[in-house]
């Protein structure tokens, strides 16, 4: 029995070593794995660790300690993810390993040449970094632009194909479902081959399906092609946030991310503004051609943008320098299983088991669904009640666009001058009444959500009860401004709270869960919006949405009170990971101490034995 136990222990130790080796292979940089639209939140996580660091690097030791802690937490979290796979799925037989362990350099040992390395995207010129940022934002704008642009042509589509309004709107539903599922393939591709190749391959494929929609003569073909156009457009949008994280340092990352985050919301808003005029003059097919033109305009810019993903840059540079890299002990299929665990399986688990992820995902999904529901509600209000023609009825969406821009500007101001206010000693962060530094917490960022949650129901009641012929049409249009303002603030809160509550890999899963629920819920809202407004009227139909928003107002206050408790109990959170890291370090320290004692004991025995030998020789 003792021999069997020893064999089992050896197998478990070997399995652990295999996982540890795999961790080293794919964790060259804690901030580069993986990102299904989730890297959008990693900037806050990095700033959370570096917020106490002076902008002039006055506290280099603190920054280095924070970076080491973050890296240790990342590797531990990655090991936990890998541990769910059996050793046969991640650990090869010794014979195969011996054949593949060629001479070469371990990939994780390669890094930038120094802090001023010109190949490091963070050292690019400001102009180049903003160019790449605008290209990534443009991709997101084009992808989401296509969702609402199609809706603008639905009235003409109904007449040409003699279909119901619900069936015509199903094209939007299929497109959004494709957007929800596309990141599942986008993240693995970007991790294996880099960011740029995903842009230049997925976007053209999506364009081919958009062309197919425009050439279709039956609704069945349109629905199928709409799904695939969304599915293949989604990877390019999913990795765009990762591109932003690759090129910006913490001091300007908040500004870049805030600017970038506007694109996915401005796209649906601009769709009706442009699309309804196009549909009115040229018909439904031209809404697809305009979408194709927009995608064609951004595609050459993606070709001009350089690769930003660190592992890909390092690997290509090593090849140019003639540096041979050891083959990893993991096949692409095994790597794919790990990534899918983070981008698909764990998100579903967190959506059900994590109250933080569940509640905030439901909240932002509702707000997002209301926005897509307005694609049908606004025509009922402004064409039905105020008698606007088809093209002009899209202009009221500009009110929401103005609100989105004001909300983003307000967030940038809070982020720069409140959350990261510059202290007298040169560091940035919040302070108490006595001027003492306050540690950044997820609950401190709920201030943004408090403002947004209060304004949201007000804007909906405003829209509902001013949408009548006795009130001038400017009033309901103006209600879109506070709606857009609150929408973007609530979204920023979700991003910040997730990123400060979970380690990087779990943030990726949490944002993937949020992305999935957001698009799925948003895809079904337009299907019943028209019936709701026709049966209940503008006032009560919008009031139902307002009452739901009113019921969600306490959410930020609830998490302010119970958030720390929920985070401490979360099996995906920092607290559990920190405890495990502390235990591992304690075990390592104990092992080191034991080894040192054994060495001293062994040395003493050798000295005693030597003395005994000398005495015997003397005798």
Foldseek 3Di string as FASTA:
>chain_A
DVVVVVVVVVVVVVLLVLLLQLLLQQPLDLLPPWFQLLSLQQLLLLCLQCQQAFPVRPPVVSNVVSRVVLSLLSSLLSSVLVVVDDSPLRPDDPVVVVVQFDDFAALSVFDAPDPCRCLQLQNDDPVLLVLLLVLLLLLLLLLLLLLLLLLLQLVLVCVLAVDDSLLSLLLSLLLLLLLLPQSLVLGLCCSVAFLLVLLLPLLVVLLVLLVQLLVDDHSVSSNVSSNSSNNSSNSSNRCSSVLLVLRHDSVCSLVSSLVSVLSNVVSNLVSQLPNLVCCVVPHSSVSSVVSSVSSVVSNVSSVVRDTRRRSNSRVVVCVVVVGDHRDRSHDSVSVSVSSSCLQPVVLVVCCPPAPLLVLLLVVLLLLLLVSLLVSQVQCCLCCVAVVDDRNVSSVLSVLLVLLLVVLSVVVVCCVDCAQFNQAPVRRTGHADPVRHHDNDALLVLLVLLLVLLVLQLVLLLQLQVQSHPVHDPVRNSNSSNSSNNSSNSSVVSSSSSLNRWFRSSNSSSSVSSSSNSNSNSNSCSNSCSNVLCVVPNSNVSSNVSSVVSVVCSCVSVVCSVCVVVSSCPDPRGDNVSVVVSVVVVVVVVVVVVVVVVVVVVVVVVVVVVVVVVVVVVVD
